[in-house]
C-alpha atoms as a PDB file:
ATOM      1  CA  UNK A   1      12.292 -12.127 -19.295  1.00  0.00           C
ATOM      2  CA  UNK A   2       9.452 -10.223 -17.681  1.00  0.00           C
ATOM      3  CA  UNK A   3       7.756  -9.011 -20.857  1.00  0.00           C
ATOM      4  CA  UNK A   4       4.881  -7.235 -19.079  1.00  0.00           C
ATOM      5  CA  UNK A   5       7.325  -5.257 -16.962  1.00  0.00           C
ATOM      6  CA  UNK A   6       9.535  -4.295 -19.900  1.00  0.00           C
ATOM      7  CA  UNK A   7       6.631  -3.456 -22.229  1.00  0.00           C
ATOM      8  CA  UNK A   8       4.926  -1.297 -19.598  1.00  0.00           C
ATOM      9  CA  UNK A   9       8.111   0.626 -18.856  1.00  0.00           C
ATOM     10  CA  UNK A  10       8.788   1.257 -22.546  1.00  0.00           C
ATOM     11  CA  UNK A  11       5.179   2.259 -23.286  1.00  0.00           C
ATOM     12  CA  UNK A  12       5.429   4.900 -20.556  1.00  0.00           C
ATOM     13  CA  UNK A  13       8.669   6.282 -21.978  1.00  0.00           C
ATOM     14  CA  UNK A  14      10.679   5.361 -18.902  1.00  0.00           C
ATOM     15  CA  UNK A  15      14.251   4.138 -19.243  1.00  0.00           C
ATOM     16  CA  UNK A  16      16.042   1.474 -17.249  1.00  0.00           C
ATOM     17  CA  UNK A  17      18.287   4.272 -15.974  1.00  0.00           C
ATOM     18  CA  UNK A  18      15.245   6.176 -14.671  1.00  0.00           C
ATOM     19  CA  UNK A  19      13.887   3.066 -12.953  1.00  0.00           C
ATOM     20  CA  UNK A  20      17.252   2.177 -11.413  1.00  0.00           C
ATOM     21  CA  UNK A  21      17.691   5.674  -9.967  1.00  0.00           C
ATOM     22  CA  UNK A  22      14.153   5.829  -8.560  1.00  0.00           C
ATOM     23  CA  UNK A  23      14.584   2.406  -6.958  1.00  0.00           C
ATOM     24  CA  UNK A  24      17.931   3.308  -5.391  1.00  0.00           C
ATOM     25  CA  UNK A  25      20.176   1.005  -7.409  1.00  0.00           C
ATOM     26  CA  UNK A  26      23.803   2.066  -7.813  1.00  0.00           C
ATOM     27  CA  UNK A  27      23.843   0.927 -11.423  1.00  0.00           C
ATOM     28  CA  UNK A  28      21.355   0.254 -14.192  1.00  0.00           C
ATOM     29  CA  UNK A  29      22.224  -3.443 -14.098  1.00  0.00           C
ATOM     30  CA  UNK A  30      20.461  -3.790 -10.731  1.00  0.00           C
ATOM     31  CA  UNK A  31      17.149  -2.982 -12.373  1.00  0.00           C
ATOM     32  CA  UNK A  32      17.982  -4.576 -15.738  1.00  0.00           C
ATOM     33  CA  UNK A  33      18.610  -7.910 -14.009  1.00  0.00           C
ATOM     34  CA  UNK A  34      15.049  -7.841 -12.651  1.00  0.00           C
ATOM     35  CA  UNK A  35      13.636  -7.141 -16.087  1.00  0.00           C
ATOM     36  CA  UNK A  36      15.711  -9.931 -17.628  1.00  0.00           C
ATOM     37  CA  UNK A  37      14.593 -12.388 -14.949  1.00  0.00           C
ATOM     38  CA  UNK A  38      18.106 -12.889 -13.583  1.00  0.00           C
ATOM     39  CA  UNK A  39      17.168 -11.438 -10.194  1.00  0.00           C
ATOM     40  CA  UNK A  40      13.875 -11.689  -8.338  1.00  0.00           C
ATOM     41  CA  UNK A  41      12.886  -8.455  -6.611  1.00  0.00           C
ATOM     42  CA  UNK A  42      11.881  -8.396  -2.980  1.00  0.00           C
ATOM     43  CA  UNK A  43       8.191  -7.836  -2.336  1.00  0.00           C
ATOM     44  CA  UNK A  44       9.006  -4.276  -1.275  1.00  0.00           C
ATOM     45  CA  UNK A  45      10.922  -3.615  -4.528  1.00  0.00           C
ATOM     46  CA  UNK A  46       8.103  -5.147  -6.580  1.00  0.00           C
ATOM     47  CA  UNK A  47       5.649  -2.761  -4.906  1.00  0.00           C
ATOM     48  CA  UNK A  48       7.950   0.203  -5.586  1.00  0.00           C
ATOM     49  CA  UNK A  49       8.180  -0.781  -9.256  1.00  0.00           C
ATOM     50  CA  UNK A  50       4.418  -1.172  -9.525  1.00  0.00           C
ATOM     51  CA  UNK A  51       3.901   2.303  -8.047  1.00  0.00           C
ATOM     52  CA  UNK A  52       6.400   3.856 -10.466  1.00  0.00           C
ATOM     53  CA  UNK A  53       4.572   2.260 -13.385  1.00  0.00           C
ATOM     54  CA  UNK A  54       1.040   2.712 -11.979  1.00  0.00           C
ATOM     55  CA  UNK A  55       0.235  -0.989 -12.375  1.00  0.00           C
ATOM     56  CA  UNK A  56      -0.623  -3.864 -10.059  1.00  0.00           C
ATOM     57  CA  UNK A  57       2.221  -6.149  -9.031  1.00  0.00           C
ATOM     58  CA  UNK A  58       0.330  -9.077 -10.582  1.00  0.00           C
ATOM     59  CA  UNK A  59       0.166  -7.368 -13.971  1.00  0.00           C
ATOM     60  CA  UNK A  60       3.905  -6.767 -14.054  1.00  0.00           C
ATOM     61  CA  UNK A  61       5.379  -9.881 -12.501  1.00  0.00           C
ATOM     62  CA  UNK A  62       2.984 -12.734 -13.162  1.00  0.00           C
ATOM     63  CA  UNK A  63       2.090 -14.254 -16.495  1.00  0.00           C
ATOM     64  CA  UNK A  64      -1.612 -13.946 -17.212  1.00  0.00           C
ATOM     65  CA  UNK A  65      -1.739 -17.322 -18.956  1.00  0.00           C
ATOM     66  CA  UNK A  66      -2.677 -19.890 -16.362  1.00  0.00           C
ATOM     67  CA  UNK A  67      -2.637 -23.570 -17.169  1.00  0.00           C
ATOM     68  CA  UNK A  68      -5.664 -25.509 -15.970  1.00  0.00           C
ATOM     69  CA  UNK A  69      -5.054 -29.128 -15.122  1.00  0.00           C
ATOM     70  CA  UNK A  70      -7.998 -31.449 -15.482  1.00  0.00           C
ATOM     71  CA  UNK A  71      -8.633 -34.187 -12.943  1.00  0.00           C
ATOM     72  CA  UNK A  72      -8.226 -36.795 -15.685  1.00  0.00           C
ATOM     73  CA  UNK A  73      -4.586 -35.832 -16.198  1.00  0.00           C
ATOM     74  CA  UNK A  74      -3.697 -35.754 -12.513  1.00  0.00           C
ATOM     75  CA  UNK A  75      -5.146 -39.116 -11.509  1.00  0.00           C
END
């Protein structure tokens, strides 16, 4: 699940129905599947979503927790 995407949408008072309509989906499930991680949006769709939510694509679609691998563990 894309928690950042879902949390941002909810915090702004926007519904999945609103998002689906603005993005041109025929049904809510088109957008809901993105939020649930079942479908990956195209780059164009990701940009449209980020504009609707006034956030960077990175903030919405990429986990901020990066794992650093030390050289000792990769040798």
